[in-house]
N, C-alpha and C. Protein backbone atom coordinates (compact mmCIF):
# COMPACT_ATOMS: atom_id res chain seq x y z
N MET A 1 157.20 -31.23 163.80
CA MET A 1 156.73 -29.95 164.34
C MET A 1 155.28 -29.76 163.93
N SER A 2 154.42 -29.46 164.90
CA SER A 2 153.00 -29.29 164.61
C SER A 2 152.44 -28.14 165.44
N PHE A 3 151.89 -27.15 164.74
CA PHE A 3 151.24 -26.04 165.41
C PHE A 3 149.91 -25.81 164.74
N GLU A 4 148.83 -25.92 165.50
CA GLU A 4 147.48 -25.88 164.95
C GLU A 4 146.76 -24.61 165.37
N TYR A 5 146.22 -23.90 164.39
CA TYR A 5 145.37 -22.74 164.69
C TYR A 5 144.49 -22.48 163.49
N ASP A 6 143.43 -21.73 163.70
CA ASP A 6 142.46 -21.45 162.66
C ASP A 6 142.56 -19.97 162.27
N PRO A 7 143.19 -19.65 161.13
CA PRO A 7 143.29 -18.24 160.72
C PRO A 7 141.94 -17.62 160.38
N GLU A 8 140.95 -18.44 160.11
CA GLU A 8 139.62 -17.90 159.80
C GLU A 8 138.94 -17.32 161.03
N LYS A 9 139.49 -17.60 162.20
CA LYS A 9 138.97 -17.00 163.44
C LYS A 9 139.79 -15.77 163.84
N GLN A 10 140.42 -15.16 162.84
CA GLN A 10 141.22 -13.94 163.03
C GLN A 10 142.41 -14.16 163.95
N ASN A 11 142.90 -15.39 164.01
CA ASN A 11 144.16 -15.66 164.70
C ASN A 11 145.31 -15.37 163.73
N VAL A 12 146.33 -14.67 164.22
CA VAL A 12 147.46 -14.29 163.38
C VAL A 12 148.74 -14.83 164.00
N CYS A 13 149.54 -15.54 163.22
CA CYS A 13 150.83 -16.07 163.68
C CYS A 13 151.91 -15.64 162.71
N ARG A 14 152.88 -14.89 163.21
CA ARG A 14 154.05 -14.51 162.42
C ARG A 14 155.27 -15.15 163.10
N ILE A 15 155.76 -16.19 162.50
CA ILE A 15 156.82 -17.00 163.11
C ILE A 15 158.07 -16.91 162.26
N GLY A 16 159.17 -16.44 162.85
CA GLY A 16 160.41 -16.25 162.13
C GLY A 16 161.09 -17.55 161.77
N GLU A 17 161.98 -17.47 160.82
CA GLU A 17 162.75 -18.62 160.40
C GLU A 17 163.63 -19.11 161.55
N GLY A 18 163.68 -20.43 161.71
CA GLY A 18 164.50 -21.02 162.76
C GLY A 18 163.77 -21.25 164.07
N VAL A 19 162.49 -20.89 164.14
CA VAL A 19 161.69 -21.13 165.35
C VAL A 19 161.01 -22.49 165.22
N ARG A 20 161.27 -23.38 166.16
CA ARG A 20 160.59 -24.68 166.22
C ARG A 20 159.42 -24.54 167.18
N LEU A 21 158.23 -24.44 166.62
CA LEU A 21 157.03 -24.15 167.40
C LEU A 21 156.06 -25.32 167.33
N GLU A 22 155.62 -25.77 168.49
CA GLU A 22 154.60 -26.79 168.58
C GLU A 22 153.46 -26.28 169.45
N GLY A 23 152.27 -26.89 169.30
CA GLY A 23 151.15 -26.52 170.15
C GLY A 23 149.91 -26.17 169.38
N PHE A 24 149.14 -25.20 169.90
CA PHE A 24 147.82 -24.93 169.35
C PHE A 24 147.31 -23.57 169.80
N ILE A 25 146.34 -23.07 169.06
CA ILE A 25 145.51 -21.95 169.48
C ILE A 25 144.06 -22.38 169.39
N LYS A 26 143.33 -22.26 170.48
CA LYS A 26 141.90 -22.54 170.50
C LYS A 26 141.20 -21.26 170.95
N GLY A 27 140.65 -20.55 170.02
CA GLY A 27 140.02 -19.27 170.30
C GLY A 27 140.10 -18.38 169.09
N GLN A 28 139.85 -17.09 169.29
CA GLN A 28 139.85 -16.16 168.18
C GLN A 28 140.52 -14.85 168.56
N ASN A 29 140.95 -14.14 167.50
CA ASN A 29 141.60 -12.82 167.66
C ASN A 29 142.86 -12.89 168.53
N ASN A 30 143.59 -13.98 168.43
CA ASN A 30 144.88 -14.10 169.11
C ASN A 30 146.00 -13.73 168.15
N ASN A 31 147.04 -13.11 168.69
CA ASN A 31 148.14 -12.62 167.85
C ASN A 31 149.46 -13.12 168.43
N VAL A 32 150.20 -13.89 167.62
CA VAL A 32 151.48 -14.45 168.04
C VAL A 32 152.55 -13.98 167.06
N HIS A 33 153.59 -13.34 167.59
CA HIS A 33 154.69 -12.83 166.76
C HIS A 33 156.00 -13.24 167.44
N ILE A 34 156.75 -14.13 166.80
CA ILE A 34 158.04 -14.59 167.32
C ILE A 34 159.10 -14.35 166.25
N ASP A 35 160.06 -13.49 166.54
CA ASP A 35 161.12 -13.18 165.58
C ASP A 35 162.09 -14.35 165.44
N SER A 36 162.84 -14.33 164.35
CA SER A 36 163.89 -15.33 164.15
C SER A 36 164.94 -15.20 165.24
N PRO A 37 165.40 -16.33 165.81
CA PRO A 37 166.38 -16.30 166.88
C PRO A 37 167.81 -16.20 166.34
N ILE A 38 168.72 -15.81 167.22
CA ILE A 38 170.14 -15.82 166.88
C ILE A 38 170.65 -17.26 166.89
N HIS A 39 170.21 -18.05 167.87
CA HIS A 39 170.55 -19.46 167.96
C HIS A 39 169.27 -20.27 167.97
N GLU A 40 169.26 -21.44 168.57
CA GLU A 40 168.09 -22.31 168.52
C GLU A 40 166.91 -21.71 169.28
N CYS A 41 165.72 -22.12 168.87
CA CYS A 41 164.50 -21.63 169.52
C CYS A 41 163.46 -22.74 169.47
N ARG A 42 163.13 -23.30 170.64
CA ARG A 42 162.14 -24.37 170.74
C ARG A 42 161.06 -23.96 171.74
N ILE A 43 159.85 -23.83 171.25
CA ILE A 43 158.74 -23.37 172.08
C ILE A 43 157.55 -24.30 171.91
N ASP A 44 156.92 -24.65 173.03
CA ASP A 44 155.64 -25.35 173.03
C ASP A 44 154.60 -24.36 173.53
N LEU A 45 153.70 -23.95 172.65
CA LEU A 45 152.76 -22.87 172.94
C LEU A 45 151.33 -23.38 172.89
N GLY A 46 150.58 -23.09 173.94
CA GLY A 46 149.16 -23.42 173.95
C GLY A 46 148.34 -22.22 174.38
N ILE A 47 147.39 -21.83 173.56
CA ILE A 47 146.49 -20.71 173.88
C ILE A 47 145.06 -21.22 173.87
N SER A 48 144.36 -21.00 174.98
CA SER A 48 142.94 -21.30 175.07
C SER A 48 142.23 -20.02 175.50
N GLY A 49 141.61 -19.36 174.53
CA GLY A 49 140.94 -18.11 174.83
C GLY A 49 141.02 -17.14 173.68
N ASN A 50 140.54 -15.92 173.90
CA ASN A 50 140.42 -14.93 172.85
C ASN A 50 141.22 -13.66 173.18
N ASN A 51 141.64 -12.97 172.12
CA ASN A 51 142.25 -11.64 172.23
C ASN A 51 143.53 -11.64 173.08
N ASN A 52 144.31 -12.69 172.95
CA ASN A 52 145.59 -12.78 173.66
C ASN A 52 146.73 -12.41 172.71
N THR A 53 147.84 -11.91 173.29
CA THR A 53 148.95 -11.42 172.48
C THR A 53 150.27 -11.96 173.02
N ILE A 54 151.10 -12.47 172.11
CA ILE A 54 152.46 -12.89 172.44
C ILE A 54 153.41 -12.25 171.45
N HIS A 55 154.45 -11.59 171.95
CA HIS A 55 155.47 -11.01 171.08
C HIS A 55 156.83 -11.28 171.70
N ILE A 56 157.65 -12.04 170.98
CA ILE A 56 159.02 -12.34 171.41
C ILE A 56 159.95 -11.77 170.35
N ARG A 57 160.75 -10.79 170.76
CA ARG A 57 161.60 -10.07 169.81
C ARG A 57 163.01 -10.66 169.77
N THR A 58 163.45 -11.13 168.64
CA THR A 58 164.81 -11.60 168.35
C THR A 58 165.47 -12.26 169.57
N PRO A 59 165.02 -13.44 169.95
CA PRO A 59 165.63 -14.12 171.08
C PRO A 59 167.07 -14.55 170.77
N PHE A 60 167.89 -14.61 171.81
CA PHE A 60 169.26 -15.11 171.66
C PHE A 60 169.23 -16.63 171.53
N ALA A 61 168.57 -17.31 172.47
CA ALA A 61 168.43 -18.76 172.41
C ALA A 61 167.32 -19.19 173.35
N ILE A 62 166.42 -20.03 172.86
CA ILE A 62 165.36 -20.60 173.69
C ILE A 62 165.47 -22.11 173.53
N LYS A 63 165.99 -22.78 174.55
CA LYS A 63 166.32 -24.20 174.44
C LYS A 63 165.19 -25.11 174.88
N GLY A 64 164.09 -24.53 175.32
CA GLY A 64 162.93 -25.32 175.70
C GLY A 64 162.03 -24.52 176.62
N LEU A 65 160.95 -23.98 176.06
CA LEU A 65 160.05 -23.11 176.81
C LEU A 65 158.61 -23.51 176.54
N ASN A 66 157.88 -23.77 177.62
CA ASN A 66 156.45 -24.08 177.56
C ASN A 66 155.68 -22.81 177.93
N ILE A 67 154.86 -22.32 177.02
CA ILE A 67 154.03 -21.14 177.27
C ILE A 67 152.57 -21.56 177.22
N ARG A 68 151.83 -21.22 178.26
CA ARG A 68 150.41 -21.53 178.29
C ARG A 68 149.61 -20.29 178.66
N ILE A 69 148.64 -19.98 177.82
CA ILE A 69 147.64 -18.96 178.13
C ILE A 69 146.31 -19.68 178.26
N GLY A 70 145.73 -19.63 179.46
CA GLY A 70 144.55 -20.42 179.74
C GLY A 70 144.91 -21.88 179.93
N ASN A 71 143.92 -22.67 180.30
CA ASN A 71 144.07 -24.13 180.42
C ASN A 71 142.74 -24.73 180.00
N HIS A 72 142.15 -25.62 180.79
CA HIS A 72 140.80 -26.07 180.40
C HIS A 72 139.76 -24.99 180.70
N VAL A 73 140.17 -23.93 181.41
CA VAL A 73 139.37 -22.71 181.54
C VAL A 73 140.02 -21.64 180.67
N ALA A 74 139.29 -21.09 179.73
CA ALA A 74 139.85 -20.12 178.78
C ALA A 74 140.30 -18.85 179.48
N ALA A 75 141.35 -18.25 178.95
CA ALA A 75 141.83 -16.94 179.42
C ALA A 75 141.80 -15.96 178.26
N HIS A 76 141.40 -14.72 178.54
CA HIS A 76 141.25 -13.71 177.50
C HIS A 76 142.08 -12.47 177.84
N GLN A 77 142.56 -11.80 176.79
CA GLN A 77 143.29 -10.53 176.90
C GLN A 77 144.56 -10.65 177.76
N ALA A 78 145.21 -11.78 177.70
CA ALA A 78 146.52 -11.92 178.35
C ALA A 78 147.60 -11.43 177.40
N LYS A 79 148.71 -10.94 177.97
CA LYS A 79 149.80 -10.38 177.16
C LYS A 79 151.14 -10.88 177.65
N LEU A 80 151.92 -11.43 176.73
CA LEU A 80 153.31 -11.83 176.99
C LEU A 80 154.20 -11.06 176.03
N ASN A 81 155.14 -10.30 176.59
CA ASN A 81 156.03 -9.49 175.76
C ASN A 81 157.46 -9.69 176.26
N ILE A 82 158.33 -10.21 175.37
CA ILE A 82 159.73 -10.46 175.71
C ILE A 82 160.60 -9.65 174.76
N ALA A 83 161.46 -8.80 175.31
CA ALA A 83 162.32 -7.95 174.50
C ALA A 83 163.48 -8.76 173.92
N GLU A 84 164.28 -8.10 173.09
CA GLU A 84 165.33 -8.78 172.34
C GLU A 84 166.45 -9.29 173.26
N GLY A 85 167.15 -10.32 172.76
CA GLY A 85 168.31 -10.84 173.46
C GLY A 85 168.00 -11.84 174.56
N PHE A 86 166.77 -12.30 174.67
CA PHE A 86 166.36 -13.23 175.73
C PHE A 86 166.94 -14.61 175.48
N SER A 87 167.41 -15.25 176.58
CA SER A 87 167.83 -16.64 176.49
C SER A 87 167.29 -17.42 177.67
N ILE A 88 167.00 -18.71 177.42
CA ILE A 88 166.52 -19.59 178.49
C ILE A 88 166.97 -21.01 178.18
N GLU A 89 167.38 -21.74 179.23
CA GLU A 89 167.71 -23.15 179.09
C GLU A 89 166.42 -23.96 179.08
N GLY A 90 166.53 -25.27 179.09
CA GLY A 90 165.35 -26.12 178.98
C GLY A 90 164.49 -26.13 180.23
N GLY A 91 163.26 -26.57 180.06
CA GLY A 91 162.35 -26.76 181.18
C GLY A 91 161.64 -25.53 181.67
N GLY A 92 161.65 -24.45 180.91
CA GLY A 92 160.97 -23.23 181.33
C GLY A 92 159.47 -23.32 181.19
N ASN A 93 158.75 -22.68 182.10
CA ASN A 93 157.29 -22.63 182.05
C ASN A 93 156.81 -21.22 182.33
N PHE A 94 156.14 -20.62 181.36
CA PHE A 94 155.49 -19.33 181.53
C PHE A 94 153.99 -19.57 181.48
N LEU A 95 153.31 -19.39 182.60
CA LEU A 95 151.91 -19.79 182.75
C LEU A 95 151.04 -18.56 182.99
N LEU A 96 150.30 -18.16 181.98
CA LEU A 96 149.37 -17.04 182.08
C LEU A 96 147.96 -17.63 182.06
N TYR A 97 147.56 -18.16 183.19
CA TYR A 97 146.33 -18.94 183.26
C TYR A 97 145.07 -18.08 183.40
N ASN A 98 145.22 -16.85 183.88
CA ASN A 98 144.05 -16.02 184.16
C ASN A 98 143.83 -14.97 183.09
N SER A 99 142.59 -14.64 182.83
CA SER A 99 142.28 -13.53 181.93
C SER A 99 142.92 -12.25 182.44
N GLY A 100 143.50 -11.48 181.51
CA GLY A 100 144.12 -10.22 181.86
C GLY A 100 145.54 -10.32 182.37
N ASN A 101 146.10 -11.53 182.48
CA ASN A 101 147.49 -11.66 182.93
C ASN A 101 148.43 -10.92 181.99
N THR A 102 149.48 -10.32 182.58
CA THR A 102 150.53 -9.65 181.83
C THR A 102 151.89 -10.13 182.32
N LEU A 103 152.76 -10.48 181.38
CA LEU A 103 154.14 -10.83 181.69
C LEU A 103 155.04 -10.08 180.72
N LYS A 104 155.91 -9.22 181.27
CA LYS A 104 156.85 -8.47 180.45
C LYS A 104 158.27 -8.76 180.93
N ILE A 105 159.13 -9.08 179.97
CA ILE A 105 160.54 -9.39 180.24
C ILE A 105 161.38 -8.46 179.39
N GLY A 106 162.33 -7.76 180.02
CA GLY A 106 163.13 -6.76 179.33
C GLY A 106 164.22 -7.35 178.46
N ALA A 107 165.07 -6.48 177.95
CA ALA A 107 166.10 -6.86 176.98
C ALA A 107 167.26 -7.59 177.66
N ASN A 108 167.82 -8.55 176.91
CA ASN A 108 169.07 -9.22 177.27
C ASN A 108 169.01 -9.93 178.61
N CYS A 109 167.88 -10.55 178.88
CA CYS A 109 167.75 -11.34 180.10
C CYS A 109 168.23 -12.77 179.86
N MET A 110 168.77 -13.39 180.91
CA MET A 110 169.31 -14.74 180.83
C MET A 110 168.64 -15.60 181.90
N PHE A 111 167.87 -16.61 181.45
CA PHE A 111 167.17 -17.52 182.35
C PHE A 111 167.84 -18.88 182.29
N SER A 112 168.02 -19.51 183.43
CA SER A 112 168.59 -20.84 183.49
C SER A 112 167.50 -21.88 183.26
N ASN A 113 167.78 -23.14 183.63
CA ASN A 113 166.83 -24.22 183.38
C ASN A 113 165.76 -24.32 184.46
N ASN A 114 164.61 -24.83 184.06
CA ASN A 114 163.49 -25.13 184.97
C ASN A 114 162.99 -23.91 185.74
N VAL A 115 162.94 -22.78 185.06
CA VAL A 115 162.36 -21.56 185.63
C VAL A 115 160.85 -21.54 185.38
N THR A 116 160.09 -21.23 186.41
CA THR A 116 158.63 -21.14 186.28
C THR A 116 158.15 -19.75 186.67
N ILE A 117 157.33 -19.18 185.81
CA ILE A 117 156.60 -17.95 186.14
C ILE A 117 155.12 -18.27 186.04
N ARG A 118 154.42 -18.14 187.16
CA ARG A 118 152.98 -18.42 187.17
C ARG A 118 152.25 -17.13 187.53
N CYS A 119 151.47 -16.63 186.59
CA CYS A 119 150.85 -15.31 186.73
C CYS A 119 149.47 -15.34 187.37
N GLY A 120 148.96 -16.52 187.67
CA GLY A 120 147.65 -16.62 188.29
C GLY A 120 147.36 -18.06 188.67
N ASP A 121 146.31 -18.27 189.48
CA ASP A 121 146.05 -19.59 190.05
C ASP A 121 144.93 -20.36 189.37
N SER A 122 144.34 -19.81 188.31
CA SER A 122 143.28 -20.51 187.61
C SER A 122 143.76 -21.91 187.19
N PRO A 123 142.92 -22.93 187.27
CA PRO A 123 141.46 -22.91 187.45
C PRO A 123 141.00 -22.83 188.90
N HIS A 124 141.95 -22.80 189.85
CA HIS A 124 141.57 -22.73 191.26
C HIS A 124 141.12 -21.30 191.59
N LEU A 125 140.27 -21.18 192.59
CA LEU A 125 139.68 -19.90 192.94
C LEU A 125 140.03 -19.53 194.38
N LEU A 126 140.33 -18.26 194.60
CA LEU A 126 140.75 -17.80 195.91
C LEU A 126 139.94 -16.56 196.30
N PHE A 127 139.29 -16.62 197.47
CA PHE A 127 138.44 -15.54 197.95
C PHE A 127 138.78 -15.20 199.40
N ASP A 128 138.44 -13.97 199.83
CA ASP A 128 138.44 -13.63 201.24
C ASP A 128 137.22 -14.28 201.89
N LYS A 129 137.45 -15.02 202.97
CA LYS A 129 136.36 -15.79 203.57
C LYS A 129 135.22 -14.91 204.07
N ASP A 130 135.55 -13.72 204.61
CA ASP A 130 134.52 -12.90 205.24
C ASP A 130 133.80 -12.00 204.24
N THR A 131 134.54 -11.37 203.35
CA THR A 131 133.93 -10.40 202.44
C THR A 131 133.50 -11.00 201.11
N GLY A 132 134.05 -12.18 200.77
CA GLY A 132 133.76 -12.77 199.47
C GLY A 132 134.57 -12.18 198.33
N GLU A 133 135.52 -11.25 198.66
CA GLU A 133 136.33 -10.62 197.62
C GLU A 133 137.17 -11.66 196.89
N TYR A 134 137.18 -11.58 195.56
CA TYR A 134 138.01 -12.46 194.74
C TYR A 134 139.44 -11.97 194.80
N LEU A 135 140.38 -12.84 195.16
CA LEU A 135 141.75 -12.43 195.47
C LEU A 135 142.77 -12.79 194.39
N ASP A 136 142.42 -13.62 193.46
CA ASP A 136 143.41 -14.07 192.47
C ASP A 136 143.54 -13.04 191.35
N ILE A 137 144.08 -11.88 191.72
CA ILE A 137 144.24 -10.78 190.77
C ILE A 137 145.71 -10.38 190.73
N SER A 138 146.24 -10.24 189.54
CA SER A 138 147.63 -9.84 189.37
C SER A 138 147.68 -8.56 188.56
N GLU A 139 148.49 -7.61 189.01
CA GLU A 139 148.70 -6.39 188.22
C GLU A 139 149.87 -6.55 187.26
N GLY A 140 150.33 -7.77 187.11
CA GLY A 140 151.38 -8.06 186.13
C GLY A 140 152.68 -8.50 186.77
N VAL A 141 153.44 -9.28 186.00
CA VAL A 141 154.79 -9.68 186.37
C VAL A 141 155.74 -8.95 185.44
N PHE A 142 156.73 -8.24 186.03
CA PHE A 142 157.61 -7.38 185.24
C PHE A 142 159.06 -7.69 185.58
N ILE A 143 159.79 -8.15 184.58
CA ILE A 143 161.22 -8.43 184.71
C ILE A 143 161.96 -7.36 183.91
N GLY A 144 162.92 -6.68 184.53
CA GLY A 144 163.61 -5.58 183.87
C GLY A 144 164.63 -6.02 182.84
N ASP A 145 165.47 -5.09 182.41
CA ASP A 145 166.53 -5.38 181.45
C ASP A 145 167.73 -6.03 182.14
N HIS A 146 168.36 -6.95 181.41
CA HIS A 146 169.61 -7.59 181.86
C HIS A 146 169.46 -8.18 183.25
N VAL A 147 168.48 -9.08 183.37
CA VAL A 147 168.22 -9.80 184.61
C VAL A 147 168.61 -11.26 184.43
N TRP A 148 169.32 -11.80 185.40
CA TRP A 148 169.75 -13.19 185.40
C TRP A 148 168.86 -13.95 186.38
N VAL A 149 168.14 -14.95 185.87
CA VAL A 149 167.26 -15.77 186.70
C VAL A 149 167.85 -17.18 186.75
N GLY A 150 168.21 -17.62 187.94
CA GLY A 150 168.91 -18.88 188.12
C GLY A 150 168.00 -20.09 188.00
N GLU A 151 168.62 -21.27 188.06
CA GLU A 151 167.87 -22.50 187.86
C GLU A 151 166.84 -22.72 188.96
N ARG A 152 165.70 -23.26 188.54
CA ARG A 152 164.58 -23.63 189.41
C ARG A 152 164.02 -22.46 190.21
N VAL A 153 164.17 -21.26 189.70
CA VAL A 153 163.52 -20.10 190.31
C VAL A 153 162.01 -20.18 190.03
N TYR A 154 161.21 -19.82 191.02
CA TYR A 154 159.75 -19.79 190.89
C TYR A 154 159.28 -18.36 191.15
N ILE A 155 158.57 -17.80 190.19
CA ILE A 155 158.11 -16.41 190.26
C ILE A 155 156.59 -16.41 190.26
N THR A 156 156.00 -15.74 191.27
CA THR A 156 154.55 -15.74 191.40
C THR A 156 153.92 -14.49 190.78
N LYS A 157 152.64 -14.31 191.00
CA LYS A 157 151.82 -13.44 190.16
C LYS A 157 151.94 -11.93 190.42
N ARG A 158 152.59 -11.52 191.50
CA ARG A 158 152.71 -10.08 191.78
C ARG A 158 154.17 -9.73 191.99
N VAL A 159 154.99 -9.90 190.96
CA VAL A 159 156.43 -9.78 191.11
C VAL A 159 156.99 -8.77 190.13
N SER A 160 157.96 -7.99 190.60
CA SER A 160 158.83 -7.19 189.75
C SER A 160 160.27 -7.48 190.15
N ILE A 161 161.14 -7.61 189.16
CA ILE A 161 162.58 -7.70 189.38
C ILE A 161 163.21 -6.60 188.55
N ALA A 162 163.96 -5.72 189.21
CA ALA A 162 164.46 -4.51 188.54
C ALA A 162 165.65 -4.83 187.65
N ASN A 163 166.00 -3.85 186.82
CA ASN A 163 167.12 -3.97 185.90
C ASN A 163 168.40 -4.43 186.60
N GLU A 164 169.19 -5.21 185.89
CA GLU A 164 170.56 -5.57 186.31
C GLU A 164 170.59 -6.38 187.60
N SER A 165 169.54 -7.13 187.85
CA SER A 165 169.46 -7.89 189.09
C SER A 165 169.62 -9.39 188.83
N ILE A 166 169.72 -10.16 189.92
CA ILE A 166 169.90 -11.60 189.85
C ILE A 166 168.90 -12.25 190.81
N ALA A 167 168.20 -13.27 190.32
CA ALA A 167 167.41 -14.14 191.19
C ALA A 167 168.18 -15.45 191.30
N ALA A 168 168.69 -15.74 192.49
CA ALA A 168 169.58 -16.88 192.70
C ALA A 168 168.82 -18.19 192.56
N ALA A 169 169.56 -19.26 192.33
CA ALA A 169 168.98 -20.58 192.12
C ALA A 169 168.01 -20.94 193.25
N CYS A 170 166.86 -21.48 192.85
CA CYS A 170 165.83 -21.99 193.76
C CYS A 170 165.10 -20.90 194.54
N ALA A 171 165.32 -19.64 194.21
CA ALA A 171 164.58 -18.56 194.88
C ALA A 171 163.09 -18.65 194.53
N VAL A 172 162.27 -18.28 195.49
CA VAL A 172 160.82 -18.15 195.27
C VAL A 172 160.48 -16.67 195.43
N VAL A 173 160.23 -16.01 194.31
CA VAL A 173 160.05 -14.56 194.31
C VAL A 173 158.55 -14.27 194.35
N THR A 174 158.12 -13.55 195.39
CA THR A 174 156.69 -13.38 195.64
C THR A 174 156.23 -11.94 195.71
N LYS A 175 157.16 -10.97 195.55
CA LYS A 175 156.75 -9.57 195.68
C LYS A 175 157.56 -8.71 194.73
N ARG A 176 157.33 -7.41 194.77
CA ARG A 176 157.98 -6.49 193.85
C ARG A 176 159.28 -5.95 194.45
N PHE A 177 160.35 -6.05 193.67
CA PHE A 177 161.65 -5.50 194.05
C PHE A 177 162.00 -4.42 193.03
N GLU A 178 162.05 -3.18 193.47
CA GLU A 178 162.28 -2.05 192.57
C GLU A 178 163.73 -1.59 192.56
N GLU A 179 164.55 -2.08 193.49
CA GLU A 179 165.95 -1.67 193.57
C GLU A 179 166.78 -2.45 192.55
N GLU A 180 167.63 -1.74 191.81
CA GLU A 180 168.46 -2.36 190.78
C GLU A 180 169.76 -2.90 191.38
N HIS A 181 170.43 -3.76 190.59
CA HIS A 181 171.75 -4.31 190.96
C HIS A 181 171.70 -5.03 192.31
N VAL A 182 170.69 -5.87 192.49
CA VAL A 182 170.59 -6.65 193.73
C VAL A 182 170.57 -8.14 193.40
N VAL A 183 170.90 -8.95 194.41
CA VAL A 183 170.77 -10.40 194.33
C VAL A 183 169.63 -10.81 195.25
N LEU A 184 168.68 -11.55 194.69
CA LEU A 184 167.54 -12.06 195.46
C LEU A 184 167.74 -13.55 195.69
N ALA A 185 167.48 -14.01 196.91
CA ALA A 185 167.65 -15.43 197.23
C ALA A 185 166.69 -15.82 198.34
N GLY A 186 166.39 -17.12 198.41
CA GLY A 186 165.59 -17.65 199.51
C GLY A 186 164.14 -17.86 199.16
N ASN A 187 163.39 -18.35 200.16
CA ASN A 187 161.96 -18.61 200.03
C ASN A 187 161.26 -18.14 201.30
N PRO A 188 160.55 -16.99 201.23
CA PRO A 188 160.42 -16.11 200.06
C PRO A 188 161.70 -15.32 199.82
N ALA A 189 161.91 -14.91 198.59
CA ALA A 189 163.14 -14.22 198.22
C ALA A 189 163.26 -12.88 198.94
N ARG A 190 164.50 -12.54 199.29
CA ARG A 190 164.82 -11.25 199.88
C ARG A 190 166.14 -10.79 199.28
N ILE A 191 166.47 -9.53 199.47
CA ILE A 191 167.74 -9.01 198.97
C ILE A 191 168.87 -9.50 199.88
N VAL A 192 169.82 -10.21 199.28
CA VAL A 192 170.96 -10.73 200.06
C VAL A 192 172.27 -10.02 199.69
N ARG A 193 172.25 -9.26 198.59
CA ARG A 193 173.43 -8.49 198.21
C ARG A 193 173.01 -7.31 197.36
N ARG A 194 173.66 -6.17 197.58
CA ARG A 194 173.42 -4.98 196.78
C ARG A 194 174.66 -4.64 195.96
N ASN A 195 174.47 -3.77 194.98
CA ASN A 195 175.57 -3.27 194.16
C ASN A 195 176.27 -4.40 193.38
N ALA A 196 175.47 -5.36 192.90
CA ALA A 196 176.00 -6.49 192.13
C ALA A 196 175.93 -6.19 190.63
N GLN A 197 176.93 -6.65 189.91
CA GLN A 197 176.96 -6.51 188.45
C GLN A 197 177.28 -7.87 187.84
N TRP A 198 176.39 -8.41 187.04
CA TRP A 198 176.65 -9.71 186.43
C TRP A 198 176.98 -9.53 184.95
N ILE A 199 177.80 -10.46 184.44
CA ILE A 199 178.23 -10.46 183.05
C ILE A 199 178.09 -11.89 182.53
N ARG A 200 177.56 -12.04 181.32
CA ARG A 200 177.20 -13.36 180.81
C ARG A 200 178.37 -14.34 180.82
N ASN A 201 179.52 -13.97 180.32
CA ASN A 201 180.71 -14.82 180.38
C ASN A 201 181.94 -13.97 180.09
N HIS A 202 183.13 -14.60 180.15
CA HIS A 202 184.37 -13.83 180.07
C HIS A 202 184.54 -13.11 178.73
N SER A 203 183.89 -13.62 177.68
CA SER A 203 184.03 -12.97 176.37
C SER A 203 183.35 -11.61 176.34
N HIS A 204 182.50 -11.33 177.32
CA HIS A 204 181.80 -10.04 177.39
C HIS A 204 182.52 -9.03 178.28
N LEU A 205 183.63 -9.43 178.87
CA LEU A 205 184.40 -8.50 179.69
C LEU A 205 185.10 -7.49 178.78
N GLN A 206 184.97 -6.22 179.08
CA GLN A 206 185.58 -5.17 178.25
C GLN A 206 187.02 -4.91 178.68
N ASP A 207 187.87 -4.78 177.67
CA ASP A 207 189.27 -4.46 177.95
C ASP A 207 189.37 -3.15 178.73
N GLY A 208 190.21 -3.15 179.75
CA GLY A 208 190.41 -1.96 180.56
C GLY A 208 189.39 -1.77 181.66
N SER A 209 188.39 -2.65 181.74
CA SER A 209 187.37 -2.49 182.78
C SER A 209 187.88 -3.05 184.10
N VAL A 210 187.33 -2.53 185.19
CA VAL A 210 187.70 -3.04 186.51
C VAL A 210 187.27 -4.49 186.66
N PHE A 211 186.22 -4.88 185.95
CA PHE A 211 185.73 -6.25 186.04
C PHE A 211 186.73 -7.22 185.42
N LYS A 212 187.26 -6.87 184.24
CA LYS A 212 188.23 -7.75 183.59
C LYS A 212 189.52 -7.81 184.40
N ALA A 213 189.95 -6.69 184.94
CA ALA A 213 191.17 -6.68 185.75
C ALA A 213 191.01 -7.55 186.99
N SER A 214 189.89 -7.45 187.65
CA SER A 214 189.64 -8.23 188.85
C SER A 214 189.57 -9.72 188.52
N TYR A 215 188.92 -10.04 187.40
CA TYR A 215 188.80 -11.44 186.99
C TYR A 215 190.18 -12.02 186.65
N GLN A 216 191.02 -11.23 186.01
CA GLN A 216 192.35 -11.70 185.64
C GLN A 216 193.20 -11.95 186.88
N VAL A 217 193.07 -11.10 187.88
CA VAL A 217 193.80 -11.32 189.13
C VAL A 217 193.38 -12.66 189.74
N ARG A 218 192.11 -12.94 189.71
CA ARG A 218 191.62 -14.21 190.25
C ARG A 218 192.18 -15.39 189.47
N LEU A 219 192.17 -15.32 188.14
CA LEU A 219 192.72 -16.41 187.33
C LEU A 219 194.19 -16.63 187.60
N ASP A 220 194.92 -15.54 187.78
CA ASP A 220 196.37 -15.65 187.98
C ASP A 220 196.71 -16.39 189.27
N GLN A 221 195.78 -16.42 190.21
CA GLN A 221 196.04 -17.11 191.47
C GLN A 221 196.14 -18.62 191.29
N PHE A 222 195.64 -19.12 190.17
CA PHE A 222 195.60 -20.56 189.97
C PHE A 222 196.56 -21.04 188.88
N LYS A 223 197.44 -20.16 188.44
CA LYS A 223 198.43 -20.55 187.42
C LYS A 223 199.61 -21.26 188.09
């Protein structure tokens, strides 16, 4: 395990016990705070730029996550904030390539394998041909509480997914969805089901709930 940074450049890293962190910080006044996980936590982190902030609060399990702020072009004042209970399978990529990028993920979210969130297109540049307006601007990517993101989902730079929602496998999410309890699917993603409620696994089913009763009826069909 190797993580390189220069504390003399006012870079601060607070890394909890049980976090396997690799990578580097190249810049100054960067702040990284990763709490101790409940289960395993493996992160490859690279920061190129100044005044960036990462805070991951008590993750459930991180089985392989690549986080990049900046690339060969530095990014400044980017913010990544992940609330408690977050889990992700291997192959995740959170890419905050542009200065000012923001990525916020709410509590108790569950991400599958090979999920990518790209908050900007740097080092490539995008302009309006006629006016010259610079177009690669994101007002942030916001994932609500208790959101399930399926395998190989791709999330672009102007996306919101509301609380208690699901992004189905291979969805390409390109816009803001403010409605809760929905299933998003397709490319580009759209709402394919409303009034959905997801539960991590059968051990989380509450006794006496309609969900447990319905699940038991289904199981009984195969006895």
